[in-house]
Amino acid sequence: MTIERYMDLPENIYGAFDEMTDKAYELFVKNKYDVSFNMYQECFDMIPEPKKDYGESSNVIQSNQ
């Protein structure tokens, strides 16, 4: 079952962003913090300028400010 998250992100990055944030979370849970934070940074870089609240992606934005 796919959860509809990040729906407000532009369609061209939605899939990759969703997949990467899931992987970053899994890495974090496994205490692989450096790799997890690097992946979250990549996710943050994918969010178009100006950075704004795109639903759940706001968690990525907040963690990078």
C-alpha atoms as a PDB file:
ATOM      1  CA  MET A   1       0.000   0.000   0.000  1.00  0.00           C
ATOM      2  CA  THR A   2       1.464   3.320  -1.066  1.00  0.00           C
ATOM      3  CA  ILE A   3       0.935   6.220   1.283  1.00  0.00           C
ATOM      4  CA  GLU A   4       0.215   9.477  -0.527  1.00  0.00           C
ATOM      5  CA  ARG A   5       2.999  11.663   0.838  1.00  0.00           C
ATOM      6  CA  TYR A   6       4.760  14.634  -0.641  1.00  0.00           C
ATOM      7  CA  MET A   7       1.832  15.105  -3.023  1.00  0.00           C
ATOM      8  CA  ASP A   8       2.545  18.793  -3.483  1.00  0.00           C
ATOM      9  CA  LEU A   9       6.076  18.261  -4.799  1.00  0.00           C
ATOM     10  CA  PRO A  10       6.564  18.694  -8.529  1.00  0.00           C
ATOM     11  CA  GLU A  11       5.814  15.402 -10.270  1.00  0.00           C
ATOM     12  CA  ASN A  12       9.284  15.133 -11.812  1.00  0.00           C
ATOM     13  CA  ILE A  13      10.916  14.701  -8.364  1.00  0.00           C
ATOM     14  CA  TYR A  14       8.095  13.110  -6.391  1.00  0.00           C
ATOM     15  CA  GLY A  15       9.098   9.463  -6.874  1.00  0.00           C
ATOM     16  CA  ALA A  16      12.809   9.895  -6.257  1.00  0.00           C
ATOM     17  CA  PHE A  17      12.198  12.132  -3.235  1.00  0.00           C
ATOM     18  CA  ASP A  18       9.761   9.669  -1.689  1.00  0.00           C
ATOM     19  CA  GLU A  19      12.120   6.734  -2.189  1.00  0.00           C
ATOM     20  CA  MET A  20      15.151   8.603  -0.850  1.00  0.00           C
ATOM     21  CA  THR A  21      13.401   9.856   2.278  1.00  0.00           C
ATOM     22  CA  ASP A  22      12.255   6.307   3.057  1.00  0.00           C
ATOM     23  CA  LYS A  23      15.824   5.027   2.684  1.00  0.00           C
ATOM     24  CA  ALA A  24      17.202   7.893   4.765  1.00  0.00           C
ATOM     25  CA  TYR A  25      14.744   7.073   7.547  1.00  0.00           C
ATOM     26  CA  GLU A  26      15.664   3.388   7.461  1.00  0.00           C
ATOM     27  CA  LEU A  27      19.356   4.297   7.721  1.00  0.00           C
ATOM     28  CA  PHE A  28      18.625   6.598  10.650  1.00  0.00           C
ATOM     29  CA  VAL A  29      16.739   3.847  12.483  1.00  0.00           C
ATOM     30  CA  LYS A  30      19.770   1.586  11.943  1.00  0.00           C
ATOM     31  CA  ASN A  31      21.959   4.244  13.621  1.00  0.00           C
ATOM     32  CA  LYS A  32      23.731   5.068  10.340  1.00  0.00           C
ATOM     33  CA  TYR A  33      23.391   8.763  11.045  1.00  0.00           C
ATOM     34  CA  ASP A  34      26.065  10.161   8.724  1.00  0.00           C
ATOM     35  CA  VAL A  35      24.730   8.315   5.686  1.00  0.00           C
ATOM     36  CA  SER A  36      21.154   9.159   6.666  1.00  0.00           C
ATOM     37  CA  PHE A  37      21.861  12.873   7.046  1.00  0.00           C
ATOM     38  CA  ASN A  38      23.743  12.938   3.733  1.00  0.00           C
ATOM     39  CA  MET A  39      20.749  11.356   2.028  1.00  0.00           C
ATOM     40  CA  TYR A  40      18.407  13.868   3.677  1.00  0.00           C
ATOM     41  CA  GLN A  41      20.696  16.628   2.361  1.00  0.00           C
ATOM     42  CA  GLU A  42      20.316  15.190  -1.148  1.00  0.00           C
ATOM     43  CA  CYS A  43      16.542  15.232  -0.644  1.00  0.00           C
ATOM     44  CA  PHE A  44      16.701  18.833   0.528  1.00  0.00           C
ATOM     45  CA  ASP A  45      18.667  19.764  -2.593  1.00  0.00           C
ATOM     46  CA  MET A  46      15.922  18.217  -4.749  1.00  0.00           C
ATOM     47  CA  ILE A  47      13.264  20.585  -3.385  1.00  0.00           C
ATOM     48  CA  PRO A  48      12.819  23.453  -5.843  1.00  0.00           C
ATOM     49  CA  GLU A  49      13.697  27.028  -4.955  1.00  0.00           C
ATOM     50  CA  PRO A  50      12.300  28.832  -3.180  1.00  0.00           C
ATOM     51  CA  LYS A  51      12.153  26.151  -0.522  1.00  0.00           C
ATOM     52  CA  LYS A  52       8.602  26.069   0.807  1.00  0.00           C
ATOM     53  CA  ASP A  53       6.303  23.713   2.634  1.00  0.00           C
ATOM     54  CA  TYR A  54       5.504  20.768   0.384  1.00  0.00           C
ATOM     55  CA  GLY A  55       3.484  18.767   2.869  1.00  0.00           C
ATOM     56  CA  GLU A  56       5.639  16.087   4.478  1.00  0.00           C
ATOM     57  CA  SER A  57       8.770  17.390   2.757  1.00  0.00           C
ATOM     58  CA  SER A  58       8.697  20.202   5.297  1.00  0.00           C
ATOM     59  CA  ASN A  59      10.346  17.725   7.695  1.00  0.00           C
ATOM     60  CA  VAL A  60      13.367  17.571   5.376  1.00  0.00           C
ATOM     61  CA  ILE A  61      13.394  21.352   5.054  1.00  0.00           C
ATOM     62  CA  GLN A  62      13.215  21.853   8.828  1.00  0.00           C
ATOM     63  CA  SER A  63      16.041  19.402   9.527  1.00  0.00           C
ATOM     64  CA  ASN A  64      18.326  21.305   7.138  1.00  0.00           C
ATOM     65  CA  GLN A  65      17.769  24.807   8.473  1.00  0.00           C
END
